[in-house]
PDB file of N, CA and C in Angstrom:
ATOM      1  N   MET A   1      -5.526  -0.685 -13.209  1.00  0.00           N
ATOM      2  CA  MET A   1      -4.448  -1.188 -12.380  1.00  0.00           C
ATOM      3  C   MET A   1      -3.385  -0.100 -12.247  1.00  0.00           C
ATOM      4  N   LYS A   2      -2.960   0.129 -11.028  1.00  0.00           N
ATOM      5  CA  LYS A   2      -1.901   1.087 -10.769  1.00  0.00           C
ATOM      6  C   LYS A   2      -0.543   0.414 -10.870  1.00  0.00           C
ATOM      7  N   MET A   3       0.386   1.033 -11.583  1.00  0.00           N
ATOM      8  CA  MET A   3       1.737   0.479 -11.675  1.00  0.00           C
ATOM      9  C   MET A   3       2.518   0.868 -10.416  1.00  0.00           C
ATOM     10  N   PRO A   4       3.241  -0.090  -9.818  1.00  0.00           N
ATOM     11  CA  PRO A   4       4.046   0.213  -8.634  1.00  0.00           C
ATOM     12  C   PRO A   4       5.164   1.205  -8.960  1.00  0.00           C
ATOM     13  N   VAL A   5       5.453   2.051  -8.034  1.00  0.00           N
ATOM     14  CA  VAL A   5       6.512   3.035  -8.194  1.00  0.00           C
ATOM     15  C   VAL A   5       7.866   2.394  -7.864  1.00  0.00           C
ATOM     16  N   VAL A   6       8.909   2.863  -8.526  1.00  0.00           N
ATOM     17  CA  VAL A   6      10.272   2.466  -8.167  1.00  0.00           C
ATOM     18  C   VAL A   6      10.693   3.419  -7.057  1.00  0.00           C
ATOM     19  N   ASN A   7      10.599   2.941  -5.832  1.00  0.00           N
ATOM     20  CA  ASN A   7      10.832   3.750  -4.636  1.00  0.00           C
ATOM     21  C   ASN A   7      12.250   4.305  -4.569  1.00  0.00           C
ATOM     22  N   SER A   8      13.214   3.465  -4.897  1.00  0.00           N
ATOM     23  CA  SER A   8      14.613   3.885  -4.904  1.00  0.00           C
ATOM     24  C   SER A   8      15.388   3.021  -5.877  1.00  0.00           C
ATOM     25  N   CYS A   9      16.493   3.571  -6.375  1.00  0.00           N
ATOM     26  CA  CYS A   9      17.339   2.831  -7.306  1.00  0.00           C
ATOM     27  C   CYS A   9      18.801   3.141  -7.003  1.00  0.00           C
ATOM     28  N   GLU A  10      19.559   2.098  -6.706  1.00  0.00           N
ATOM     29  CA  GLU A  10      20.987   2.239  -6.412  1.00  0.00           C
ATOM     30  C   GLU A  10      21.857   2.136  -7.658  1.00  0.00           C
ATOM     31  N   ALA A  11      21.264   1.920  -8.806  1.00  0.00           N
ATOM     32  CA  ALA A  11      22.016   1.736 -10.059  1.00  0.00           C
ATOM     33  C   ALA A  11      22.406   3.096 -10.631  1.00  0.00           C
ATOM     34  N   GLU A  12      23.356   3.761  -9.989  1.00  0.00           N
ATOM     35  CA  GLU A  12      23.742   5.124 -10.365  1.00  0.00           C
ATOM     36  C   GLU A  12      24.339   5.204 -11.767  1.00  0.00           C
ATOM     37  N   ALA A  13      24.874   4.115 -12.285  1.00  0.00           N
ATOM     38  CA  ALA A  13      25.470   4.114 -13.628  1.00  0.00           C
ATOM     39  C   ALA A  13      24.421   3.994 -14.729  1.00  0.00           C
ATOM     40  N   CYS A  14      23.160   3.885 -14.361  1.00  0.00           N
ATOM     41  CA  CYS A  14      22.089   3.716 -15.341  1.00  0.00           C
ATOM     42  C   CYS A  14      21.692   5.068 -15.939  1.00  0.00           C
ATOM     43  N   ALA A  15      21.404   5.080 -17.225  1.00  0.00           N
ATOM     44  CA  ALA A  15      20.992   6.296 -17.922  1.00  0.00           C
ATOM     45  C   ALA A  15      19.699   6.878 -17.349  1.00  0.00           C
ATOM     46  N   TYR A  16      18.868   6.041 -16.758  1.00  0.00           N
ATOM     47  CA  TYR A  16      17.587   6.499 -16.221  1.00  0.00           C
ATOM     48  C   TYR A  16      17.663   6.940 -14.757  1.00  0.00           C
ATOM     49  N   ASN A  17      18.823   6.811 -14.126  1.00  0.00           N
ATOM     50  CA  ASN A  17      18.971   7.144 -12.713  1.00  0.00           C
ATOM     51  C   ASN A  17      19.494   8.565 -12.538  1.00  0.00           C
ATOM     52  N   THR A  18      18.769   9.357 -11.772  1.00  0.00           N
ATOM     53  CA  THR A  18      19.207  10.696 -11.382  1.00  0.00           C
ATOM     54  C   THR A  18      19.031  10.816  -9.876  1.00  0.00           C
ATOM     55  N   ASP A  19      20.125  10.971  -9.163  1.00  0.00           N
ATOM     56  CA  ASP A  19      20.079  11.103  -7.694  1.00  0.00           C
ATOM     57  C   ASP A  19      19.301   9.974  -7.026  1.00  0.00           C
ATOM     58  N   SER A  20      19.591   8.738  -7.411  1.00  0.00           N
ATOM     59  CA  SER A  20      18.970   7.520  -6.874  1.00  0.00           C
ATOM     60  C   SER A  20      17.475   7.426  -7.154  1.00  0.00           C
ATOM     61  N   THR A  21      17.021   8.152  -8.161  1.00  0.00           N
ATOM     62  CA  THR A  21      15.624   8.111  -8.566  1.00  0.00           C
ATOM     63  C   THR A  21      15.536   7.633 -10.010  1.00  0.00           C
ATOM     64  N   CYS A  22      14.675   6.643 -10.243  1.00  0.00           N
ATOM     65  CA  CYS A  22      14.474   6.132 -11.593  1.00  0.00           C
ATOM     66  C   CYS A  22      13.598   7.115 -12.359  1.00  0.00           C
ATOM     67  N   ARG A  23      14.035   7.510 -13.557  1.00  0.00           N
ATOM     68  CA  ARG A  23      13.304   8.459 -14.392  1.00  0.00           C
ATOM     69  C   ARG A  23      12.709   7.810 -15.636  1.00  0.00           C
ATOM     70  N   ALA A  24      12.800   6.467 -15.746  1.00  0.00           N
ATOM     71  CA  ALA A  24      12.134   5.764 -16.849  1.00  0.00           C
ATOM     72  C   ALA A  24      10.632   5.804 -16.576  1.00  0.00           C
ATOM     73  N   LEU A  25       9.832   5.962 -17.597  1.00  0.00           N
ATOM     74  CA  LEU A  25       8.386   5.959 -17.379  1.00  0.00           C
ATOM     75  C   LEU A  25       7.932   4.627 -16.798  1.00  0.00           C
ATOM     76  N   ALA A  26       8.533   3.529 -17.295  1.00  0.00           N
ATOM     77  CA  ALA A  26       8.222   2.196 -16.786  1.00  0.00           C
ATOM     78  C   ALA A  26       9.413   1.285 -17.026  1.00  0.00           C
ATOM     79  N   ILE A  27       9.706   0.435 -16.055  1.00  0.00           N
ATOM     80  CA  ILE A  27      10.780  -0.540 -16.194  1.00  0.00           C
ATOM     81  C   ILE A  27      10.180  -1.935 -16.358  1.00  0.00           C
ATOM     82  N   THR A  28      11.009  -2.853 -16.820  1.00  0.00           N
ATOM     83  CA  THR A  28      10.653  -4.265 -16.870  1.00  0.00           C
ATOM     84  C   THR A  28      11.590  -5.009 -15.941  1.00  0.00           C
ATOM     85  N   VAL A  29      11.034  -5.855 -15.094  1.00  0.00           N
ATOM     86  CA  VAL A  29      11.849  -6.714 -14.243  1.00  0.00           C
ATOM     87  C   VAL A  29      11.995  -8.033 -14.987  1.00  0.00           C
ATOM     88  N   GLY A  30      13.250  -8.391 -15.282  1.00  0.00           N
ATOM     89  CA  GLY A  30      13.547  -9.608 -16.031  1.00  0.00           C
ATOM     90  C   GLY A  30      13.604 -10.830 -15.153  1.00  0.00           C
ATOM     91  N   ASN A  31      13.989 -11.970 -15.734  1.00  0.00           N
ATOM     92  CA  ASN A  31      14.000 -13.205 -14.946  1.00  0.00           C
ATOM     93  C   ASN A  31      15.209 -14.103 -15.167  1.00  0.00           C
ATOM     94  N   GLN A  32      16.255 -13.634 -15.797  1.00  0.00           N
ATOM     95  CA  GLN A  32      17.422 -14.488 -16.003  1.00  0.00           C
ATOM     96  C   GLN A  32      18.688 -13.765 -15.580  1.00  0.00           C
ATOM     97  N   PRO A  33      19.437 -14.161 -14.658  1.00  0.00           N
ATOM     98  CA  PRO A  33      19.258 -15.334 -13.805  1.00  0.00           C
ATOM     99  C   PRO A  33      18.471 -15.022 -12.542  1.00  0.00           C
ATOM    100  N   SER A  34      18.093 -13.757 -12.357  1.00  0.00           N
ATOM    101  CA  SER A  34      17.345 -13.370 -11.157  1.00  0.00           C
ATOM    102  C   SER A  34      16.392 -12.236 -11.532  1.00  0.00           C
ATOM    103  N   ALA A  35      15.805 -11.604 -10.547  1.00  0.00           N
ATOM    104  CA  ALA A  35      14.848 -10.511 -10.778  1.00  0.00           C
ATOM    105  C   ALA A  35      15.609  -9.219 -11.070  1.00  0.00           C
ATOM    106  N   TYR A  36      16.218  -9.146 -12.240  1.00  0.00           N
ATOM    107  CA  TYR A  36      17.050  -7.990 -12.564  1.00  0.00           C
ATOM    108  C   TYR A  36      16.233  -6.916 -13.281  1.00  0.00           C
ATOM    109  N   CYS A  37      16.732  -5.692 -13.237  1.00  0.00           N
ATOM    110  CA  CYS A  37      16.088  -4.592 -13.950  1.00  0.00           C
ATOM    111  C   CYS A  37      16.486  -4.700 -15.419  1.00  0.00           C
ATOM    112  N   ASP A  38      15.562  -5.143 -16.233  1.00  0.00           N
ATOM    113  CA  ASP A  38      15.795  -5.347 -17.658  1.00  0.00           C
ATOM    114  C   ASP A  38      15.958  -4.008 -18.391  1.00  0.00           C
ATOM    115  N   THR A  39      15.604  -2.921 -17.743  1.00  0.00           N
ATOM    116  CA  THR A  39      15.684  -1.587 -18.334  1.00  0.00           C
ATOM    117  C   THR A  39      17.027  -0.919 -18.038  1.00  0.00           C
ATOM    118  N   PHE A  40      17.818  -1.498 -17.141  1.00  0.00           N
ATOM    119  CA  PHE A  40      19.126  -0.955 -16.775  1.00  0.00           C
ATOM    120  C   PHE A  40      19.956  -0.689 -18.025  1.00  0.00           C
ATOM    121  N   LEU A  41      20.419   0.538 -18.177  1.00  0.00           N
ATOM    122  CA  LEU A  41      21.197   0.960 -19.344  1.00  0.00           C
ATOM    123  C   LEU A  41      22.464   1.658 -18.852  1.00  0.00           C
ATOM    124  N   PRO A  42      23.586   0.936 -18.774  1.00  0.00           N
ATOM    125  CA  PRO A  42      24.813   1.486 -18.183  1.00  0.00           C
ATOM    126  C   PRO A  42      25.610   2.370 -19.149  1.00  0.00           C
ATOM    127  N   ILE A  43      25.118   3.566 -19.392  1.00  0.00           N
ATOM    128  CA  ILE A  43      25.834   4.539 -20.213  1.00  0.00           C
ATOM    129  C   ILE A  43      25.857   5.876 -19.487  1.00  0.00           C
ATOM    130  N   GLN A  44      26.767   6.773 -19.884  1.00  0.00           N
ATOM    131  CA  GLN A  44      26.900   8.063 -19.200  1.00  0.00           C
ATOM    132  C   GLN A  44      25.784   9.041 -19.532  1.00  0.00           C
ATOM    133  N   ALA A  45      25.247   8.973 -20.741  1.00  0.00           N
ATOM    134  CA  ALA A  45      24.165   9.883 -21.121  1.00  0.00           C
ATOM    135  C   ALA A  45      22.956   9.633 -20.226  1.00  0.00           C
ATOM    136  N   LYS A  46      22.229  10.685 -19.899  1.00  0.00           N
ATOM    137  CA  LYS A  46      21.038  10.557 -19.061  1.00  0.00           C
ATOM    138  C   LYS A  46      19.787  10.637 -19.918  1.00  0.00           C
ATOM    139  N   GLY A  47      18.782   9.854 -19.546  1.00  0.00           N
ATOM    140  CA  GLY A  47      17.536   9.825 -20.285  1.00  0.00           C
ATOM    141  C   GLY A  47      16.363   9.718 -19.345  1.00  0.00           C
ATOM    142  N   GLY A  48      15.209   9.462 -19.919  1.00  0.00           N
ATOM    143  CA  GLY A  48      13.996   9.375 -19.130  1.00  0.00           C
ATOM    144  C   GLY A  48      13.346  10.738 -18.978  1.00  0.00           C
ATOM    145  N   ASP A  49      12.317  10.800 -18.176  1.00  0.00           N
ATOM    146  CA  ASP A  49      11.568  12.022 -17.933  1.00  0.00           C
ATOM    147  C   ASP A  49      11.968  12.572 -16.567  1.00  0.00           C
ATOM    148  N   PRO A  50      12.692  13.699 -16.522  1.00  0.00           N
ATOM    149  CA  PRO A  50      13.166  14.212 -15.238  1.00  0.00           C
ATOM    150  C   PRO A  50      12.057  14.660 -14.292  1.00  0.00           C
ATOM    151  N   SER A  51      10.830  14.770 -14.782  1.00  0.00           N
ATOM    152  CA  SER A  51       9.736  15.221 -13.923  1.00  0.00           C
ATOM    153  C   SER A  51       8.925  14.069 -13.335  1.00  0.00           C
ATOM    154  N   THR A  52       9.340  12.831 -13.601  1.00  0.00           N
ATOM    155  CA  THR A  52       8.566  11.690 -13.108  1.00  0.00           C
ATOM    156  C   THR A  52       9.442  10.722 -12.335  1.00  0.00           C
ATOM    157  N   VAL A  53       8.808   9.831 -11.616  1.00  0.00           N
ATOM    158  CA  VAL A  53       9.473   8.727 -10.930  1.00  0.00           C
ATOM    159  C   VAL A  53       9.038   7.465 -11.649  1.00  0.00           C
ATOM    160  N   GLY A  54       9.977   6.552 -11.882  1.00  0.00           N
ATOM    161  CA  GLY A  54       9.694   5.332 -12.628  1.00  0.00           C
ATOM    162  C   GLY A  54       8.679   4.417 -11.963  1.00  0.00           C
ATOM    163  N   HIS A  55       8.077   3.582 -12.782  1.00  0.00           N
ATOM    164  CA  HIS A  55       7.111   2.585 -12.337  1.00  0.00           C
ATOM    165  C   HIS A  55       7.486   1.230 -12.921  1.00  0.00           C
ATOM    166  N   VAL A  56       6.875   0.175 -12.405  1.00  0.00           N
ATOM    167  CA  VAL A  56       7.098  -1.160 -12.941  1.00  0.00           C
ATOM    168  C   VAL A  56       6.027  -1.420 -13.989  1.00  0.00           C
ATOM    169  N   GLY A  57       6.461  -1.574 -15.234  1.00  0.00           N
ATOM    170  CA  GLY A  57       5.531  -1.836 -16.317  1.00  0.00           C
ATOM    171  C   GLY A  57       5.237  -3.307 -16.493  1.00  0.00           C
ATOM    172  N   ALA A  58       6.226  -4.160 -16.268  1.00  0.00           N
ATOM    173  CA  ALA A  58       6.047  -5.607 -16.422  1.00  0.00           C
ATOM    174  C   ALA A  58       7.041  -6.328 -15.524  1.00  0.00           C
ATOM    175  N   CYS A  59       6.661  -7.523 -15.119  1.00  0.00           N
ATOM    176  CA  CYS A  59       7.555  -8.353 -14.300  1.00  0.00           C
ATOM    177  C   CYS A  59       7.523  -9.776 -14.828  1.00  0.00           C
ATOM    178  N   LYS A  60       8.683 -10.288 -15.185  1.00  0.00           N
ATOM    179  CA  LYS A  60       8.801 -11.639 -15.732  1.00  0.00           C
ATOM    180  C   LYS A  60       9.033 -12.699 -14.661  1.00  0.00           C
ATOM    181  N   MET A  61       9.077 -12.290 -13.391  1.00  0.00           N
ATOM    182  CA  MET A  61       9.343 -13.229 -12.296  1.00  0.00           C
ATOM    183  C   MET A  61       8.040 -13.878 -11.826  1.00  0.00           C
ATOM    184  N   ALA A  62       7.592 -14.889 -12.557  1.00  0.00           N
ATOM    185  CA  ALA A  62       6.325 -15.551 -12.262  1.00  0.00           C
ATOM    186  C   ALA A  62       6.277 -16.154 -10.864  1.00  0.00           C
ATOM    187  N   ASN A  63       7.438 -16.491 -10.306  1.00  0.00           N
ATOM    188  CA  ASN A  63       7.462 -17.116  -8.989  1.00  0.00           C
ATOM    189  C   ASN A  63       7.577 -16.105  -7.842  1.00  0.00           C
ATOM    190  N   CYS A  64       7.338 -14.830  -8.092  1.00  0.00           N
ATOM    191  CA  CYS A  64       7.361 -13.817  -7.032  1.00  0.00           C
ATOM    192  C   CYS A  64       5.957 -13.677  -6.447  1.00  0.00           C
ATOM    193  N   ARG A  65       5.865 -13.540  -5.136  1.00  0.00           N
ATOM    194  CA  ARG A  65       4.544 -13.435  -4.507  1.00  0.00           C
ATOM    195  C   ARG A  65       3.824 -12.138  -4.869  1.00  0.00           C
ATOM    196  N   HIS A  66       4.551 -11.155  -5.409  1.00  0.00           N
ATOM    197  CA  HIS A  66       3.925  -9.898  -5.832  1.00  0.00           C
ATOM    198  C   HIS A  66       3.441  -9.954  -7.284  1.00  0.00           C
ATOM    199  N   ASN A  67       3.751 -11.039  -7.996  1.00  0.00           N
ATOM    200  CA  ASN A  67       3.450 -11.138  -9.417  1.00  0.00           C
ATOM    201  C   ASN A  67       2.078 -11.785  -9.654  1.00  0.00           C
ATOM    202  N   VAL A  68       1.224 -11.073 -10.378  1.00  0.00           N
ATOM    203  CA  VAL A  68      -0.070 -11.610 -10.788  1.00  0.00           C
ATOM    204  C   VAL A  68      -0.180 -11.396 -12.295  1.00  0.00           C
ATOM    205  N   GLN A  69      -0.163 -12.478 -13.039  1.00  0.00           N
ATOM    206  CA  GLN A  69      -0.234 -12.438 -14.497  1.00  0.00           C
ATOM    207  C   GLN A  69       0.840 -11.520 -15.103  1.00  0.00           C
ATOM    208  N   PHE A  70       2.050 -11.626 -14.555  1.00  0.00           N
ATOM    209  CA  PHE A  70       3.237 -10.893 -15.002  1.00  0.00           C
ATOM    210  C   PHE A  70       3.140  -9.385 -14.776  1.00  0.00           C
ATOM    211  N   GLU A  71       2.295  -8.993 -13.825  1.00  0.00           N
ATOM    212  CA  GLU A  71       2.188  -7.599 -13.395  1.00  0.00           C
ATOM    213  C   GLU A  71       2.532  -7.545 -11.914  1.00  0.00           C
ATOM    214  N   CYS A  72       3.358  -6.591 -11.536  1.00  0.00           N
ATOM    215  CA  CYS A  72       3.758  -6.446 -10.136  1.00  0.00           C
ATOM    216  C   CYS A  72       2.619  -5.826  -9.332  1.00  0.00           C
ATOM    217  N   GLN A  73       2.316  -6.433  -8.189  1.00  0.00           N
ATOM    218  CA  GLN A  73       1.264  -5.944  -7.306  1.00  0.00           C
ATOM    219  C   GLN A  73       1.811  -5.343  -6.017  1.00  0.00           C
ATOM    220  N   ALA A  74       3.136  -5.247  -5.897  1.00  0.00           N
ATOM    221  CA  ALA A  74       3.718  -4.605  -4.721  1.00  0.00           C
ATOM    222  C   ALA A  74       3.383  -3.113  -4.770  1.00  0.00           C
ATOM    223  N   PRO A  75       3.230  -2.461  -3.632  1.00  0.00           N
ATOM    224  CA  PRO A  75       2.928  -1.027  -3.650  1.00  0.00           C
ATOM    225  C   PRO A  75       4.082  -0.198  -4.219  1.00  0.00           C
ATOM    226  N   ALA A  76       5.306  -0.689  -4.030  1.00  0.00           N
ATOM    227  CA  ALA A  76       6.512  -0.019  -4.528  1.00  0.00           C
ATOM    228  C   ALA A  76       7.636  -1.041  -4.522  1.00  0.00           C
ATOM    229  N   ILE A  77       8.687  -0.777  -5.311  1.00  0.00           N
ATOM    230  CA  ILE A  77       9.845  -1.667  -5.320  1.00  0.00           C
ATOM    231  C   ILE A  77      11.113  -0.847  -5.121  1.00  0.00           C
ATOM    232  N   ASN A  78      12.186  -1.543  -4.782  1.00  0.00           N
ATOM    233  CA  ASN A  78      13.513  -0.951  -4.677  1.00  0.00           C
ATOM    234  C   ASN A  78      14.439  -1.715  -5.607  1.00  0.00           C
ATOM    235  N   ILE A  79      15.278  -0.972  -6.311  1.00  0.00           N
ATOM    236  CA  ILE A  79      16.291  -1.565  -7.178  1.00  0.00           C
ATOM    237  C   ILE A  79      17.646  -1.368  -6.519  1.00  0.00           C
ATOM    238  N   GLY A  80      18.409  -2.436  -6.430  1.00  0.00           N
ATOM    239  CA  GLY A  80      19.743  -2.377  -5.850  1.00  0.00           C
ATOM    240  C   GLY A  80      20.641  -3.348  -6.577  1.00  0.00           C
ATOM    241  N   PHE A  81      21.837  -3.543  -6.041  1.00  0.00           N
ATOM    242  CA  PHE A  81      22.779  -4.440  -6.692  1.00  0.00           C
ATOM    243  C   PHE A  81      22.871  -5.759  -5.958  1.00  0.00           C
ATOM    244  N   ASP A  82      22.839  -6.837  -6.739  1.00  0.00           N
ATOM    245  CA  ASP A  82      23.029  -8.182  -6.243  1.00  0.00           C
ATOM    246  C   ASP A  82      23.853  -8.896  -7.306  1.00  0.00           C
ATOM    247  N   ALA A  83      24.993  -9.401  -6.930  1.00  0.00           N
ATOM    248  CA  ALA A  83      25.900 -10.070  -7.876  1.00  0.00           C
ATOM    249  C   ALA A  83      26.247  -9.146  -9.049  1.00  0.00           C
ATOM    250  N   ASN A  84      26.519  -7.890  -8.764  1.00  0.00           N
ATOM    251  CA  ASN A  84      26.950  -6.895  -9.757  1.00  0.00           C
ATOM    252  C   ASN A  84      25.936  -6.619 -10.861  1.00  0.00           C
ATOM    253  N   GLN A  85      24.666  -6.774 -10.583  1.00  0.00           N
ATOM    254  CA  GLN A  85      23.646  -6.385 -11.553  1.00  0.00           C
ATOM    255  C   GLN A  85      22.508  -5.685 -10.791  1.00  0.00           C
ATOM    256  N   ALA A  86      21.788  -4.835 -11.503  1.00  0.00           N
ATOM    257  CA  ALA A  86      20.667  -4.106 -10.912  1.00  0.00           C
ATOM    258  C   ALA A  86      19.492  -5.068 -10.775  1.00  0.00           C
ATOM    259  N   ASP A  87      19.102  -5.350  -9.537  1.00  0.00           N
ATOM    260  CA  ASP A  87      18.038  -6.306  -9.248  1.00  0.00           C
ATOM    261  C   ASP A  87      16.895  -5.661  -8.489  1.00  0.00           C
ATOM    262  N   CYS A  88      15.723  -6.255  -8.639  1.00  0.00           N
ATOM    263  CA  CYS A  88      14.567  -5.862  -7.819  1.00  0.00           C
ATOM    264  C   CYS A  88      14.756  -6.467  -6.441  1.00  0.00           C
ATOM    265  N   LEU A  89      14.995  -5.619  -5.458  1.00  0.00           N
ATOM    266  CA  LEU A  89      15.222  -6.092  -4.094  1.00  0.00           C
ATOM    267  C   LEU A  89      13.918  -6.424  -3.384  1.00  0.00           C
ATOM    268  N   THR A  90      12.800  -6.098  -3.996  1.00  0.00           N
ATOM    269  CA  THR A  90      11.485  -6.389  -3.437  1.00  0.00           C
ATOM    270  C   THR A  90      11.024  -7.797  -3.801  1.00  0.00           C
ATOM    271  N   TYR A  91      11.729  -8.433  -4.745  1.00  0.00           N
ATOM    272  CA  TYR A  91      11.390  -9.800  -5.146  1.00  0.00           C
ATOM    273  C   TYR A  91      11.293 -10.697  -3.924  1.00  0.00           C
ATOM    274  N   ALA A  92      10.203 -11.467  -3.865  1.00  0.00           N
ATOM    275  CA  ALA A  92       9.986 -12.416  -2.767  1.00  0.00           C
ATOM    276  C   ALA A  92       9.442 -13.714  -3.363  1.00  0.00           C
ATOM    277  N   PRO A  93      10.167 -14.826  -3.233  1.00  0.00           N
ATOM    278  CA  PRO A  93       9.691 -16.086  -3.802  1.00  0.00           C
ATOM    279  C   PRO A  93       8.313 -16.448  -3.266  1.00  0.00           C
ATOM    280  N   ALA A  94       7.478 -16.973  -4.145  1.00  0.00           N
ATOM    281  CA  ALA A  94       6.106 -17.365  -3.740  1.00  0.00           C
ATOM    282  C   ALA A  94       6.149 -18.661  -2.963  1.00  0.00           C
TER     283      ALA A  94
END
């Protein structure tokens, strides 16, 4: 199974974000209260692998049409802000 790529990320305050690119090897999409980026780490220090683009490792949003057995099947996702938190903007209710 191929992990979907994080196509873009607007969470510039995240330790894994460099120039709107996620550098975490894999993120987790959480489910409380919405499809938020559970990997979001709002600190000034930068981390992750600068030579890679992040992927979706797990998705807890069982009611998303892209979710199959808690794995994202979308070709790519976008992370942006919704209600002041980093959310998966690709989330689509089933």
